[in-house]
Amino acid sequence: MLTCASRKWLVVFLALVWGAASGDTPSGAQGVSTPYGAVSLPFELHKIPGVPVYYVVGLSGVPGADNEGHTSNAGFVVTDEGVVVFDALGTPALGYRLLQRIREVTDQPIERVVISHYHADHVYGLQAFKDHAGNPPVWAQRLAAGYAEGSRATQGEDAERRLQQRREALFPWVDETTRIVAPDETFADHAEFSLGGVSFELTHLGPAHAPGDSILLVKDYGVLFSGDVIYKGRVPFLDSPETDVERWLQGLDYLVKLDPQPDYIIPGHGSASRDMAKAIAATRGYLDFVRAAMRRAVQEFVPFDEAYESTDWSAYRDLPAFEASNRGNAYRIYLEMEAESF
């Protein structure tokens, strides 16, 4: 049986052989080196005009070798006293690339890393910050505290099972050395702090996509990091026993009523937006559509398979993650509607 190290060398060797034969260098055999493997994908850093707020945008789709696990967004705010990071991306290598980008902008210390929710595509990069950024404290909503122990009751995702799955799907970027970093500080419903004269506000909107779903408002700059409460350009993930669509919709209502409205919204997936209503329209539209279709099927006693096949999914069929997520999403909502009907 090959050891982890042997598998890594084999992957690199085969990549180099393939590249020499084809004239191209495949993913993983080139790019920027990190202590956790090379990142070959473009890793463009975006900046909000006029303010020291930066972010990276993941590729739409399901984490896999083709995207090296880079499917979610993350960002950071530079102040005179340090840096606040929001989310850490889906592999230690990507977390390290984010840290490299931060160091291209500032040498200020990383004062804290705020996590929107504990799902793999947002937290595996924490390892790089713990190992290479001075061990900054990780902040998250208190329902995230049990994730490191693999409790489905805390986040709706079996942490150890997910890690094993990602060690297969994202090898060599996720391997036997990849570990889950637990939060150091937690909050309940609301928390405020300031750093370098900049005010930050954390608000818990979960349970929604996940129980710990939280947003970060950078009040002085009018920038909102929404986490996965808002998706853009990708089918949202609902296929979890801990997803609460009703509460999710309430969270979207909360965002619409923010006064003043943020000037920029950086979602958990997809591009930034300057229009709050437009930013949440795709997510709300999908949630409403799936609920309405599955509710109608339950009310008319239509079996799920028949209901799913007869539903017109054309508005969403071409979106990334449709094939991977949509049927599971619909079935989860169908079961919820059945339970409500009793």
C-alpha atoms as a PDB file:
ATOM      1  CA  MET A   1       0.000   0.000   0.000  1.00  0.00           C
ATOM      2  CA  LEU A   2       1.336   3.436  -0.923  1.00  0.00           C
ATOM      3  CA  THR A   3       2.014   5.852   1.898  1.00  0.00           C
ATOM      4  CA  CYS A   4       0.842   9.462   1.724  1.00  0.00           C
ATOM      5  CA  ALA A   5       4.343  10.602   0.762  1.00  0.00           C
ATOM      6  CA  SER A   6       4.617   7.910  -1.915  1.00  0.00           C
ATOM      7  CA  ARG A   7       1.275   8.914  -3.383  1.00  0.00           C
ATOM      8  CA  LYS A   8       2.393  12.532  -3.562  1.00  0.00           C
ATOM      9  CA  TRP A   9       5.581  11.622  -5.415  1.00  0.00           C
ATOM     10  CA  LEU A  10       3.609   9.385  -7.761  1.00  0.00           C
ATOM     11  CA  VAL A  11       1.162  12.175  -8.555  1.00  0.00           C
ATOM     12  CA  VAL A  12       4.002  14.596  -9.301  1.00  0.00           C
ATOM     13  CA  PHE A  13       5.896  12.015 -11.390  1.00  0.00           C
ATOM     14  CA  LEU A  14       2.857  11.123 -13.500  1.00  0.00           C
ATOM     15  CA  ALA A  15       2.022  14.792 -13.950  1.00  0.00           C
ATOM     16  CA  LEU A  16       5.522  15.542 -15.210  1.00  0.00           C
ATOM     17  CA  VAL A  17       5.499  12.542 -17.560  1.00  0.00           C
ATOM     18  CA  TRP A  18       2.088  13.520 -18.920  1.00  0.00           C
ATOM     19  CA  GLY A  19       3.197  17.110 -19.353  1.00  0.00           C
ATOM     20  CA  ALA A  20       6.364  16.132 -21.203  1.00  0.00           C
ATOM     21  CA  ALA A  21       4.397  13.903 -23.536  1.00  0.00           C
ATOM     22  CA  SER A  22       1.642  16.384 -24.269  1.00  0.00           C
ATOM     23  CA  GLY A  23       3.581  19.614 -24.221  1.00  0.00           C
ATOM     24  CA  ASP A  24       1.355  20.989 -21.462  1.00  0.00           C
ATOM     25  CA  THR A  25       1.855  21.115 -17.719  1.00  0.00           C
ATOM     26  CA  PRO A  26      -1.231  19.881 -15.884  1.00  0.00           C
ATOM     27  CA  SER A  27      -2.742  21.218 -12.688  1.00  0.00           C
ATOM     28  CA  GLY A  28      -0.524  20.566  -9.676  1.00  0.00           C
ATOM     29  CA  ALA A  29       2.746  20.339 -11.679  1.00  0.00           C
ATOM     30  CA  GLN A  30       3.194  24.100 -11.972  1.00  0.00           C
ATOM     31  CA  GLY A  31       2.031  27.262 -10.274  1.00  0.00           C
ATOM     32  CA  VAL A  32       2.862  28.757  -6.910  1.00  0.00           C
ATOM     33  CA  SER A  33       4.543  26.550  -4.348  1.00  0.00           C
ATOM     34  CA  THR A  34       3.150  26.301  -0.825  1.00  0.00           C
ATOM     35  CA  PRO A  35       4.048  24.039   2.126  1.00  0.00           C
ATOM     36  CA  TYR A  36       0.880  22.098   1.287  1.00  0.00           C
ATOM     37  CA  GLY A  37       1.403  21.592  -2.449  1.00  0.00           C
ATOM     38  CA  ALA A  38       1.483  23.859  -5.486  1.00  0.00           C
ATOM     39  CA  VAL A  39      -1.539  25.931  -6.464  1.00  0.00           C
ATOM     40  CA  SER A  40      -1.700  26.145 -10.236  1.00  0.00           C
ATOM     41  CA  LEU A  41      -4.978  28.040 -10.611  1.00  0.00           C
ATOM     42  CA  PRO A  42      -5.131  31.806 -11.064  1.00  0.00           C
ATOM     43  CA  PHE A  43      -5.607  33.413  -7.675  1.00  0.00           C
ATOM     44  CA  GLU A  44      -6.604  36.964  -8.518  1.00  0.00           C
ATOM     45  CA  LEU A  45      -6.931  39.457  -5.693  1.00  0.00           C
ATOM     46  CA  HIS A  46      -9.791  41.945  -6.007  1.00  0.00           C
ATOM     47  CA  LYS A  47     -10.051  45.249  -4.146  1.00  0.00           C
ATOM     48  CA  ILE A  48     -13.123  47.260  -3.203  1.00  0.00           C
ATOM     49  CA  PRO A  49     -12.580  50.729  -4.732  1.00  0.00           C
ATOM     50  CA  GLY A  50     -11.387  53.357  -2.316  1.00  0.00           C
ATOM     51  CA  VAL A  51     -11.161  51.183   0.800  1.00  0.00           C
ATOM     52  CA  PRO A  52      -8.626  48.602   2.093  1.00  0.00           C
ATOM     53  CA  VAL A  53     -10.936  45.624   1.635  1.00  0.00           C
ATOM     54  CA  TYR A  54      -9.800  42.741  -0.571  1.00  0.00           C
ATOM     55  CA  TYR A  55     -11.234  39.405  -1.660  1.00  0.00           C
ATOM     56  CA  VAL A  56     -10.697  36.358  -3.857  1.00  0.00           C
ATOM     57  CA  VAL A  57     -13.439  34.602  -5.826  1.00  0.00           C
ATOM     58  CA  GLY A  58     -13.633  30.830  -6.083  1.00  0.00           C
ATOM     59  CA  LEU A  59     -14.567  28.892  -9.191  1.00  0.00           C
ATOM     60  CA  SER A  60     -18.214  27.885  -9.426  1.00  0.00           C
ATOM     61  CA  GLY A  61     -18.793  24.189  -8.985  1.00  0.00           C
ATOM     62  CA  VAL A  62     -18.186  21.288  -6.638  1.00  0.00           C
ATOM     63  CA  PRO A  63     -14.702  20.949  -5.059  1.00  0.00           C
ATOM     64  CA  GLY A  64     -12.561  18.559  -7.100  1.00  0.00           C
ATOM     65  CA  ALA A  65      -9.189  18.080  -8.753  1.00  0.00           C
ATOM     66  CA  ASP A  66     -10.158  20.340 -11.671  1.00  0.00           C
ATOM     67  CA  ASN A  67     -10.554  23.363  -9.384  1.00  0.00           C
ATOM     68  CA  GLU A  68      -8.132  22.208  -6.648  1.00  0.00           C
ATOM     69  CA  GLY A  69     -10.858  22.886  -4.081  1.00  0.00           C
ATOM     70  CA  HIS A  70     -11.033  26.603  -4.874  1.00  0.00           C
ATOM     71  CA  THR A  71     -14.814  27.048  -4.990  1.00  0.00           C
ATOM     72  CA  SER A  72     -15.542  29.550  -2.203  1.00  0.00           C
ATOM     73  CA  ASN A  73     -14.736  33.192  -1.582  1.00  0.00           C
ATOM     74  CA  ALA A  74     -12.655  34.760   1.168  1.00  0.00           C
ATOM     75  CA  GLY A  75     -11.475  38.260   1.968  1.00  0.00           C
ATOM     76  CA  PHE A  76      -9.636  40.518   4.354  1.00  0.00           C
ATOM     77  CA  VAL A  77      -9.651  44.045   5.742  1.00  0.00           C
ATOM     78  CA  VAL A  78      -6.429  45.941   6.396  1.00  0.00           C
ATOM     79  CA  THR A  79      -6.337  48.369   9.341  1.00  0.00           C
ATOM     80  CA  ASP A  80      -3.599  50.388  11.025  1.00  0.00           C
ATOM     81  CA  GLU A  81      -3.373  47.770  13.782  1.00  0.00           C
ATOM     82  CA  GLY A  82      -3.718  44.535  11.855  1.00  0.00           C
ATOM     83  CA  VAL A  83      -5.725  42.446   9.427  1.00  0.00           C
ATOM     84  CA  VAL A  84      -9.143  40.831   9.835  1.00  0.00           C
ATOM     85  CA  VAL A  85      -9.651  37.812   7.558  1.00  0.00           C
ATOM     86  CA  PHE A  86     -13.066  36.434   6.613  1.00  0.00           C
ATOM     87  CA  ASP A  87     -13.103  32.715   5.741  1.00  0.00           C
ATOM     88  CA  ALA A  88     -10.043  30.658   4.874  1.00  0.00           C
ATOM     89  CA  LEU A  89     -10.892  28.653   1.706  1.00  0.00           C
ATOM     90  CA  GLY A  90     -11.048  24.928   1.050  1.00  0.00           C
ATOM     91  CA  THR A  91      -7.503  23.550   1.355  1.00  0.00           C
ATOM     92  CA  PRO A  92      -4.412  24.415   3.412  1.00  0.00           C
ATOM     93  CA  ALA A  93      -2.650  25.302   0.147  1.00  0.00           C
ATOM     94  CA  LEU A  94      -5.376  27.809  -0.744  1.00  0.00           C
ATOM     95  CA  GLY A  95      -5.238  29.262   2.754  1.00  0.00           C
ATOM     96  CA  TYR A  96      -1.509  29.741   2.307  1.00  0.00           C
ATOM     97  CA  ARG A  97      -2.075  31.426  -1.077  1.00  0.00           C
ATOM     98  CA  LEU A  98      -4.503  33.801   0.615  1.00  0.00           C
ATOM     99  CA  LEU A  99      -1.872  34.552   3.242  1.00  0.00           C
ATOM    100  CA  GLN A 100       0.658  35.205   0.476  1.00  0.00           C
ATOM    101  CA  ARG A 101      -1.753  37.671  -1.124  1.00  0.00           C
ATOM    102  CA  ILE A 102      -2.231  39.415   2.199  1.00  0.00           C
ATOM    103  CA  ARG A 103       1.525  39.771   2.552  1.00  0.00           C
ATOM    104  CA  GLU A 104       1.681  41.363  -0.894  1.00  0.00           C
ATOM    105  CA  VAL A 105      -0.581  44.114   0.455  1.00  0.00           C
ATOM    106  CA  THR A 106       0.587  44.577   4.045  1.00  0.00           C
ATOM    107  CA  ASP A 107       2.972  43.305   6.693  1.00  0.00           C
ATOM    108  CA  GLN A 108       0.450  44.046   9.448  1.00  0.00           C
ATOM    109  CA  PRO A 109      -0.226  41.037  11.703  1.00  0.00           C
ATOM    110  CA  ILE A 110      -3.264  38.828  11.185  1.00  0.00           C
ATOM    111  CA  GLU A 111      -5.306  39.801  14.239  1.00  0.00           C
ATOM    112  CA  ARG A 112      -8.179  37.363  13.762  1.00  0.00           C
ATOM    113  CA  VAL A 113      -9.835  35.068  11.252  1.00  0.00           C
ATOM    114  CA  VAL A 114     -13.634  35.143  11.190  1.00  0.00           C
ATOM    115  CA  ILE A 115     -15.366  32.061   9.793  1.00  0.00           C
ATOM    116  CA  SER A 116     -18.829  32.397   8.245  1.00  0.00           C
ATOM    117  CA  HIS A 117     -19.697  28.761   8.991  1.00  0.00           C
ATOM    118  CA  TYR A 118     -17.852  25.498   9.485  1.00  0.00           C
ATOM    119  CA  HIS A 119     -18.029  23.701   6.161  1.00  0.00           C
ATOM    120  CA  ALA A 120     -14.994  22.201   4.486  1.00  0.00           C
ATOM    121  CA  ASP A 121     -14.765  24.644   1.587  1.00  0.00           C
ATOM    122  CA  HIS A 122     -14.434  27.562   4.021  1.00  0.00           C
ATOM    123  CA  VAL A 123     -12.281  26.182   6.850  1.00  0.00           C
ATOM    124  CA  TYR A 124      -9.533  23.833   5.665  1.00  0.00           C
ATOM    125  CA  GLY A 125      -7.343  26.838   4.890  1.00  0.00           C
ATOM    126  CA  LEU A 126      -7.271  27.720   8.598  1.00  0.00           C
ATOM    127  CA  GLN A 127      -4.392  25.286   9.004  1.00  0.00           C
ATOM    128  CA  ALA A 128      -2.124  27.605   7.010  1.00  0.00           C
ATOM    129  CA  PHE A 129      -2.996  30.605   9.173  1.00  0.00           C
ATOM    130  CA  LYS A 130      -2.353  28.648  12.364  1.00  0.00           C
ATOM    131  CA  ASP A 131       0.970  27.312  11.053  1.00  0.00           C
ATOM    132  CA  HIS A 132       2.310  30.391   9.248  1.00  0.00           C
ATOM    133  CA  ALA A 133       0.509  33.557  10.399  1.00  0.00           C
ATOM    134  CA  GLY A 134       1.340  33.716  14.095  1.00  0.00           C
ATOM    135  CA  ASN A 135      -1.544  31.535  15.299  1.00  0.00           C
ATOM    136  CA  PRO A 136      -4.283  34.203  15.097  1.00  0.00           C
ATOM    137  CA  PRO A 137      -7.523  33.515  16.991  1.00  0.00           C
ATOM    138  CA  VAL A 138     -10.333  31.992  14.951  1.00  0.00           C
ATOM    139  CA  TRP A 139     -13.797  33.458  15.565  1.00  0.00           C
ATOM    140  CA  ALA A 140     -17.058  31.712  14.723  1.00  0.00           C
ATOM    141  CA  GLN A 141     -20.636  31.449  15.907  1.00  0.00           C
ATOM    142  CA  ARG A 142     -20.894  29.115  18.897  1.00  0.00           C
ATOM    143  CA  LEU A 143     -22.767  26.374  17.009  1.00  0.00           C
ATOM    144  CA  ALA A 144     -19.502  25.759  15.139  1.00  0.00           C
ATOM    145  CA  ALA A 145     -17.645  24.760  18.289  1.00  0.00           C
ATOM    146  CA  GLY A 146     -18.351  21.031  17.977  1.00  0.00           C
ATOM    147  CA  TYR A 147     -17.416  20.682  14.318  1.00  0.00           C
ATOM    148  CA  ALA A 148     -13.818  19.683  15.015  1.00  0.00           C
ATOM    149  CA  GLU A 149     -15.162  16.668  16.885  1.00  0.00           C
ATOM    150  CA  GLY A 150     -17.272  15.714  13.879  1.00  0.00           C
ATOM    151  CA  SER A 151     -20.709  16.398  15.346  1.00  0.00           C
ATOM    152  CA  ARG A 152     -23.502  16.425  12.769  1.00  0.00           C
ATOM    153  CA  ALA A 153     -25.619  18.248  15.330  1.00  0.00           C
ATOM    154  CA  THR A 154     -23.474  21.365  15.052  1.00  0.00           C
ATOM    155  CA  GLN A 155     -23.143  21.952  11.322  1.00  0.00           C
ATOM    156  CA  GLY A 156     -25.021  19.309   9.413  1.00  0.00           C
ATOM    157  CA  GLU A 157     -21.816  17.948   7.945  1.00  0.00           C
ATOM    158  CA  ASP A 158     -20.014  14.963   9.414  1.00  0.00           C
ATOM    159  CA  ALA A 159     -16.585  16.550   9.712  1.00  0.00           C
ATOM    160  CA  GLU A 160     -14.479  13.402   9.729  1.00  0.00           C
ATOM    161  CA  ARG A 161     -16.423  11.792   6.898  1.00  0.00           C
ATOM    162  CA  ARG A 162     -16.111  14.975   4.852  1.00  0.00           C
ATOM    163  CA  LEU A 163     -12.389  15.105   5.511  1.00  0.00           C
ATOM    164  CA  GLN A 164     -11.980  11.535   4.303  1.00  0.00           C
ATOM    165  CA  GLN A 165     -13.985  12.347   1.168  1.00  0.00           C
ATOM    166  CA  ARG A 166     -11.869  15.423   0.449  1.00  0.00           C
ATOM    167  CA  ARG A 167      -8.657  13.466   0.980  1.00  0.00           C
ATOM    168  CA  GLU A 168      -9.749  11.413  -2.013  1.00  0.00           C
ATOM    169  CA  ALA A 169     -11.343  14.138  -4.138  1.00  0.00           C
ATOM    170  CA  LEU A 170      -8.700  16.813  -3.461  1.00  0.00           C
ATOM    171  CA  PHE A 171      -5.499  14.799  -3.063  1.00  0.00           C
ATOM    172  CA  PRO A 172      -2.720  15.943  -2.848  1.00  0.00           C
ATOM    173  CA  TRP A 173      -4.022  19.341  -1.628  1.00  0.00           C
ATOM    174  CA  VAL A 174      -5.939  17.607   1.153  1.00  0.00           C
ATOM    175  CA  ASP A 175      -4.161  14.606   2.640  1.00  0.00           C
ATOM    176  CA  GLU A 176      -3.432  12.746   5.880  1.00  0.00           C
ATOM    177  CA  THR A 177      -1.701  15.826   7.325  1.00  0.00           C
ATOM    178  CA  THR A 178      -4.727  18.074   6.801  1.00  0.00           C
ATOM    179  CA  ARG A 179      -6.428  18.865  10.085  1.00  0.00           C
ATOM    180  CA  ILE A 180      -9.580  20.656  11.171  1.00  0.00           C
ATOM    181  CA  VAL A 181      -8.916  23.798  13.189  1.00  0.00           C
ATOM    182  CA  ALA A 182     -11.532  24.530  15.849  1.00  0.00           C
ATOM    183  CA  PRO A 183     -12.649  28.073  16.701  1.00  0.00           C
ATOM    184  CA  ASP A 184     -10.808  29.817  19.549  1.00  0.00           C
ATOM    185  CA  GLU A 185     -13.552  32.361  20.263  1.00  0.00           C
ATOM    186  CA  THR A 186     -17.297  32.028  19.757  1.00  0.00           C
ATOM    187  CA  PHE A 187     -20.271  34.363  19.947  1.00  0.00           C
ATOM    188  CA  ALA A 188     -24.029  33.866  20.201  1.00  0.00           C
ATOM    189  CA  ASP A 189     -26.245  36.183  18.159  1.00  0.00           C
ATOM    190  CA  HIS A 190     -24.227  39.332  17.758  1.00  0.00           C
ATOM    191  CA  ALA A 191     -20.710  40.647  18.341  1.00  0.00           C
ATOM    192  CA  GLU A 192     -18.982  43.936  17.628  1.00  0.00           C
ATOM    193  CA  PHE A 193     -15.310  44.820  17.706  1.00  0.00           C
ATOM    194  CA  SER A 194     -12.995  47.502  16.365  1.00  0.00           C
ATOM    195  CA  LEU A 195      -9.448  47.342  15.096  1.00  0.00           C
ATOM    196  CA  GLY A 196      -7.315  50.246  13.942  1.00  0.00           C
ATOM    197  CA  GLY A 197     -10.299  52.580  14.124  1.00  0.00           C
ATOM    198  CA  VAL A 198     -12.446  50.319  11.897  1.00  0.00           C
ATOM    199  CA  SER A 199     -15.739  48.966  13.275  1.00  0.00           C
ATOM    200  CA  PHE A 200     -16.872  45.403  12.574  1.00  0.00           C
ATOM    201  CA  GLU A 201     -20.220  43.784  13.301  1.00  0.00           C
ATOM    202  CA  LEU A 202     -20.915  40.048  13.356  1.00  0.00           C
ATOM    203  CA  THR A 203     -24.502  38.762  13.143  1.00  0.00           C
ATOM    204  CA  HIS A 204     -25.732  35.180  13.305  1.00  0.00           C
ATOM    205  CA  LEU A 205     -28.381  34.465  10.643  1.00  0.00           C
ATOM    206  CA  GLY A 206     -28.485  30.695  11.077  1.00  0.00           C
ATOM    207  CA  PRO A 207     -29.585  28.056  11.157  1.00  0.00           C
ATOM    208  CA  ALA A 208     -29.799  28.634   7.399  1.00  0.00           C
ATOM    209  CA  HIS A 209     -27.453  26.956   4.928  1.00  0.00           C
ATOM    210  CA  ALA A 210     -25.695  25.781   8.104  1.00  0.00           C
ATOM    211  CA  PRO A 211     -26.497  26.365  11.782  1.00  0.00           C
ATOM    212  CA  GLY A 212     -23.571  28.740  12.312  1.00  0.00           C
ATOM    213  CA  ASP A 213     -24.185  30.988   9.282  1.00  0.00           C
ATOM    214  CA  SER A 214     -22.905  34.478  10.122  1.00  0.00           C
ATOM    215  CA  ILE A 215     -22.244  37.700   8.277  1.00  0.00           C
ATOM    216  CA  LEU A 216     -19.540  40.311   8.820  1.00  0.00           C
ATOM    217  CA  LEU A 217     -20.350  43.966   8.225  1.00  0.00           C
ATOM    218  CA  VAL A 218     -17.401  46.328   7.889  1.00  0.00           C
ATOM    219  CA  LYS A 219     -19.407  49.340   8.991  1.00  0.00           C
ATOM    220  CA  ASP A 220     -16.968  52.146   8.187  1.00  0.00           C
ATOM    221  CA  TYR A 221     -16.511  50.937   4.614  1.00  0.00           C
ATOM    222  CA  GLY A 222     -20.041  49.738   3.826  1.00  0.00           C
ATOM    223  CA  VAL A 223     -18.869  46.230   2.937  1.00  0.00           C
ATOM    224  CA  LEU A 224     -20.754  43.049   3.815  1.00  0.00           C
ATOM    225  CA  PHE A 225     -19.229  39.572   3.788  1.00  0.00           C
ATOM    226  CA  SER A 226     -22.326  37.350   3.611  1.00  0.00           C
ATOM    227  CA  GLY A 227     -20.869  33.851   3.664  1.00  0.00           C
ATOM    228  CA  ASP A 228     -23.153  31.202   2.186  1.00  0.00           C
ATOM    229  CA  VAL A 229     -26.326  33.027   3.112  1.00  0.00           C
ATOM    230  CA  ILE A 230     -25.905  34.420  -0.428  1.00  0.00           C
ATOM    231  CA  TYR A 231     -24.903  32.337  -3.462  1.00  0.00           C
ATOM    232  CA  LYS A 232     -24.308  33.804  -6.921  1.00  0.00           C
ATOM    233  CA  GLY A 233     -23.826  31.778 -10.088  1.00  0.00           C
ATOM    234  CA  ARG A 234     -24.129  28.380  -8.441  1.00  0.00           C
ATOM    235  CA  VAL A 235     -26.906  26.130  -7.170  1.00  0.00           C
ATOM    236  CA  PRO A 236     -27.093  26.535  -3.361  1.00  0.00           C
ATOM    237  CA  PHE A 237     -26.540  23.503  -1.156  1.00  0.00           C
ATOM    238  CA  LEU A 238     -29.621  22.452   0.847  1.00  0.00           C
ATOM    239  CA  ASP A 239     -29.057  18.718   1.211  1.00  0.00           C
ATOM    240  CA  SER A 240     -28.333  18.668   4.927  1.00  0.00           C
ATOM    241  CA  PRO A 241     -30.558  17.761   7.874  1.00  0.00           C
ATOM    242  CA  GLU A 242     -29.404  20.988   9.532  1.00  0.00           C
ATOM    243  CA  THR A 243     -30.361  23.320   6.662  1.00  0.00           C
ATOM    244  CA  ASP A 244     -33.281  25.518   7.704  1.00  0.00           C
ATOM    245  CA  VAL A 245     -34.753  27.128   4.588  1.00  0.00           C
ATOM    246  CA  GLU A 246     -37.409  29.082   6.499  1.00  0.00           C
ATOM    247  CA  ARG A 247     -34.775  30.676   8.701  1.00  0.00           C
ATOM    248  CA  TRP A 248     -32.575  31.190   5.628  1.00  0.00           C
ATOM    249  CA  LEU A 249     -35.315  33.233   3.983  1.00  0.00           C
ATOM    250  CA  GLN A 250     -35.712  35.238   7.182  1.00  0.00           C
ATOM    251  CA  GLY A 251     -31.991  35.957   7.067  1.00  0.00           C
ATOM    252  CA  LEU A 252     -32.322  37.243   3.514  1.00  0.00           C
ATOM    253  CA  ASP A 253     -35.163  39.493   4.679  1.00  0.00           C
ATOM    254  CA  TYR A 254     -32.867  40.812   7.406  1.00  0.00           C
ATOM    255  CA  LEU A 255     -30.240  41.698   4.818  1.00  0.00           C
ATOM    256  CA  VAL A 256     -32.732  43.542   2.632  1.00  0.00           C
ATOM    257  CA  LYS A 257     -33.761  45.673   5.636  1.00  0.00           C
ATOM    258  CA  LEU A 258     -30.254  46.708   6.658  1.00  0.00           C
ATOM    259  CA  ASP A 259     -30.119  50.488   7.009  1.00  0.00           C
ATOM    260  CA  PRO A 260     -27.958  51.831   5.588  1.00  0.00           C
ATOM    261  CA  GLN A 261     -27.577  49.224   2.900  1.00  0.00           C
ATOM    262  CA  PRO A 262     -23.998  48.054   2.276  1.00  0.00           C
ATOM    263  CA  ASP A 263     -22.243  49.530  -0.720  1.00  0.00           C
ATOM    264  CA  TYR A 264     -20.677  46.169  -1.589  1.00  0.00           C
ATOM    265  CA  ILE A 265     -21.725  42.585  -0.880  1.00  0.00           C
ATOM    266  CA  ILE A 266     -19.174  39.782  -1.094  1.00  0.00           C
ATOM    267  CA  PRO A 267     -21.064  36.452  -1.118  1.00  0.00           C
ATOM    268  CA  GLY A 268     -19.796  33.058  -0.046  1.00  0.00           C
ATOM    269  CA  HIS A 269     -19.800  31.965  -3.699  1.00  0.00           C
ATOM    270  CA  GLY A 270     -19.859  34.171  -6.791  1.00  0.00           C
ATOM    271  CA  SER A 271     -18.933  37.718  -7.698  1.00  0.00           C
ATOM    272  CA  ALA A 272     -19.302  40.824  -5.558  1.00  0.00           C
ATOM    273  CA  SER A 273     -22.330  43.061  -6.016  1.00  0.00           C
ATOM    274  CA  ARG A 274     -23.326  46.652  -5.312  1.00  0.00           C
ATOM    275  CA  ASP A 275     -27.042  45.861  -5.127  1.00  0.00           C
ATOM    276  CA  MET A 276     -28.293  43.952  -2.097  1.00  0.00           C
ATOM    277  CA  ALA A 277     -31.659  43.051  -3.629  1.00  0.00           C
ATOM    278  CA  LYS A 278     -29.981  41.792  -6.784  1.00  0.00           C
ATOM    279  CA  ALA A 279     -27.334  39.925  -4.795  1.00  0.00           C
ATOM    280  CA  ILE A 280     -29.906  37.855  -2.933  1.00  0.00           C
ATOM    281  CA  ALA A 281     -32.390  37.435  -5.790  1.00  0.00           C
ATOM    282  CA  ALA A 282     -30.819  34.277  -7.202  1.00  0.00           C
ATOM    283  CA  THR A 283     -30.613  32.572  -3.812  1.00  0.00           C
ATOM    284  CA  ARG A 284     -34.142  33.547  -2.779  1.00  0.00           C
ATOM    285  CA  GLY A 285     -35.535  32.618  -6.180  1.00  0.00           C
ATOM    286  CA  TYR A 286     -34.046  29.135  -6.015  1.00  0.00           C
ATOM    287  CA  LEU A 287     -35.202  28.506  -2.450  1.00  0.00           C
ATOM    288  CA  ASP A 288     -38.733  29.684  -3.237  1.00  0.00           C
ATOM    289  CA  PHE A 289     -38.888  27.635  -6.440  1.00  0.00           C
ATOM    290  CA  VAL A 290     -37.783  24.344  -4.864  1.00  0.00           C
ATOM    291  CA  ARG A 291     -40.099  24.796  -1.897  1.00  0.00           C
ATOM    292  CA  ALA A 292     -43.104  25.623  -4.079  1.00  0.00           C
ATOM    293  CA  ALA A 293     -42.511  22.684  -6.432  1.00  0.00           C
ATOM    294  CA  MET A 294     -42.014  20.139  -3.651  1.00  0.00           C
ATOM    295  CA  ARG A 295     -44.897  21.507  -1.574  1.00  0.00           C
ATOM    296  CA  ARG A 296     -47.222  21.162  -4.547  1.00  0.00           C
ATOM    297  CA  ALA A 297     -46.053  17.593  -5.127  1.00  0.00           C
ATOM    298  CA  VAL A 298     -46.662  16.620  -1.507  1.00  0.00           C
ATOM    299  CA  GLN A 299     -50.075  18.243  -1.461  1.00  0.00           C
ATOM    300  CA  GLU A 300     -51.054  16.343  -4.613  1.00  0.00           C
ATOM    301  CA  PHE A 301     -49.542  13.044  -3.310  1.00  0.00           C
ATOM    302  CA  VAL A 302     -47.068  12.862  -6.196  1.00  0.00           C
ATOM    303  CA  PRO A 303     -44.110  10.513  -5.466  1.00  0.00           C
ATOM    304  CA  PHE A 304     -40.774  12.283  -5.333  1.00  0.00           C
ATOM    305  CA  ASP A 305     -39.214  10.692  -8.437  1.00  0.00           C
ATOM    306  CA  GLU A 306     -42.214  11.657 -10.516  1.00  0.00           C
ATOM    307  CA  ALA A 307     -42.326  15.126  -9.010  1.00  0.00           C
ATOM    308  CA  TYR A 308     -38.654  15.719  -9.685  1.00  0.00           C
ATOM    309  CA  GLU A 309     -38.816  14.562 -13.301  1.00  0.00           C
ATOM    310  CA  SER A 310     -41.921  16.641 -14.031  1.00  0.00           C
ATOM    311  CA  THR A 311     -40.522  19.859 -12.552  1.00  0.00           C
ATOM    312  CA  ASP A 312     -39.173  22.379 -15.038  1.00  0.00           C
ATOM    313  CA  TRP A 313     -35.610  22.943 -13.849  1.00  0.00           C
ATOM    314  CA  SER A 314     -34.567  24.851 -16.970  1.00  0.00           C
ATOM    315  CA  ALA A 315     -33.866  28.074 -15.057  1.00  0.00           C
ATOM    316  CA  TYR A 316     -31.184  26.269 -13.016  1.00  0.00           C
ATOM    317  CA  ARG A 317     -30.056  23.308 -15.110  1.00  0.00           C
ATOM    318  CA  ASP A 318     -27.044  25.105 -16.602  1.00  0.00           C
ATOM    319  CA  LEU A 319     -25.741  26.425 -13.288  1.00  0.00           C
ATOM    320  CA  PRO A 320     -22.606  24.887 -11.750  1.00  0.00           C
ATOM    321  CA  ALA A 321     -23.348  22.223  -9.111  1.00  0.00           C
ATOM    322  CA  PHE A 322     -26.804  21.505 -10.553  1.00  0.00           C
ATOM    323  CA  GLU A 323     -26.042  17.855 -11.298  1.00  0.00           C
ATOM    324  CA  ALA A 324     -24.254  17.369  -7.991  1.00  0.00           C
ATOM    325  CA  SER A 325     -26.724  19.141  -5.717  1.00  0.00           C
ATOM    326  CA  ASN A 326     -30.152  19.784  -7.189  1.00  0.00           C
ATOM    327  CA  ARG A 327     -31.768  16.369  -6.804  1.00  0.00           C
ATOM    328  CA  GLY A 328     -30.531  16.027  -3.229  1.00  0.00           C
ATOM    329  CA  ASN A 329     -31.760  19.546  -2.475  1.00  0.00           C
ATOM    330  CA  ALA A 330     -35.200  18.773  -3.867  1.00  0.00           C
ATOM    331  CA  TYR A 331     -35.469  15.490  -1.977  1.00  0.00           C
ATOM    332  CA  ARG A 332     -34.516  17.142   1.301  1.00  0.00           C
ATOM    333  CA  ILE A 333     -37.219  19.780   0.820  1.00  0.00           C
ATOM    334  CA  TYR A 334     -39.746  17.138  -0.272  1.00  0.00           C
ATOM    335  CA  LEU A 335     -39.184  15.272   3.004  1.00  0.00           C
ATOM    336  CA  GLU A 336     -39.590  18.483   4.972  1.00  0.00           C
ATOM    337  CA  MET A 337     -42.862  19.245   3.220  1.00  0.00           C
ATOM    338  CA  GLU A 338     -44.061  15.720   3.958  1.00  0.00           C
ATOM    339  CA  ALA A 339     -43.264  16.155   7.644  1.00  0.00           C
ATOM    340  CA  GLU A 340     -45.122  19.466   7.734  1.00  0.00           C
ATOM    341  CA  SER A 341     -48.194  17.892   6.154  1.00  0.00           C
ATOM    342  CA  PHE A 342     -48.706  15.436   9.037  1.00  0.00           C
END
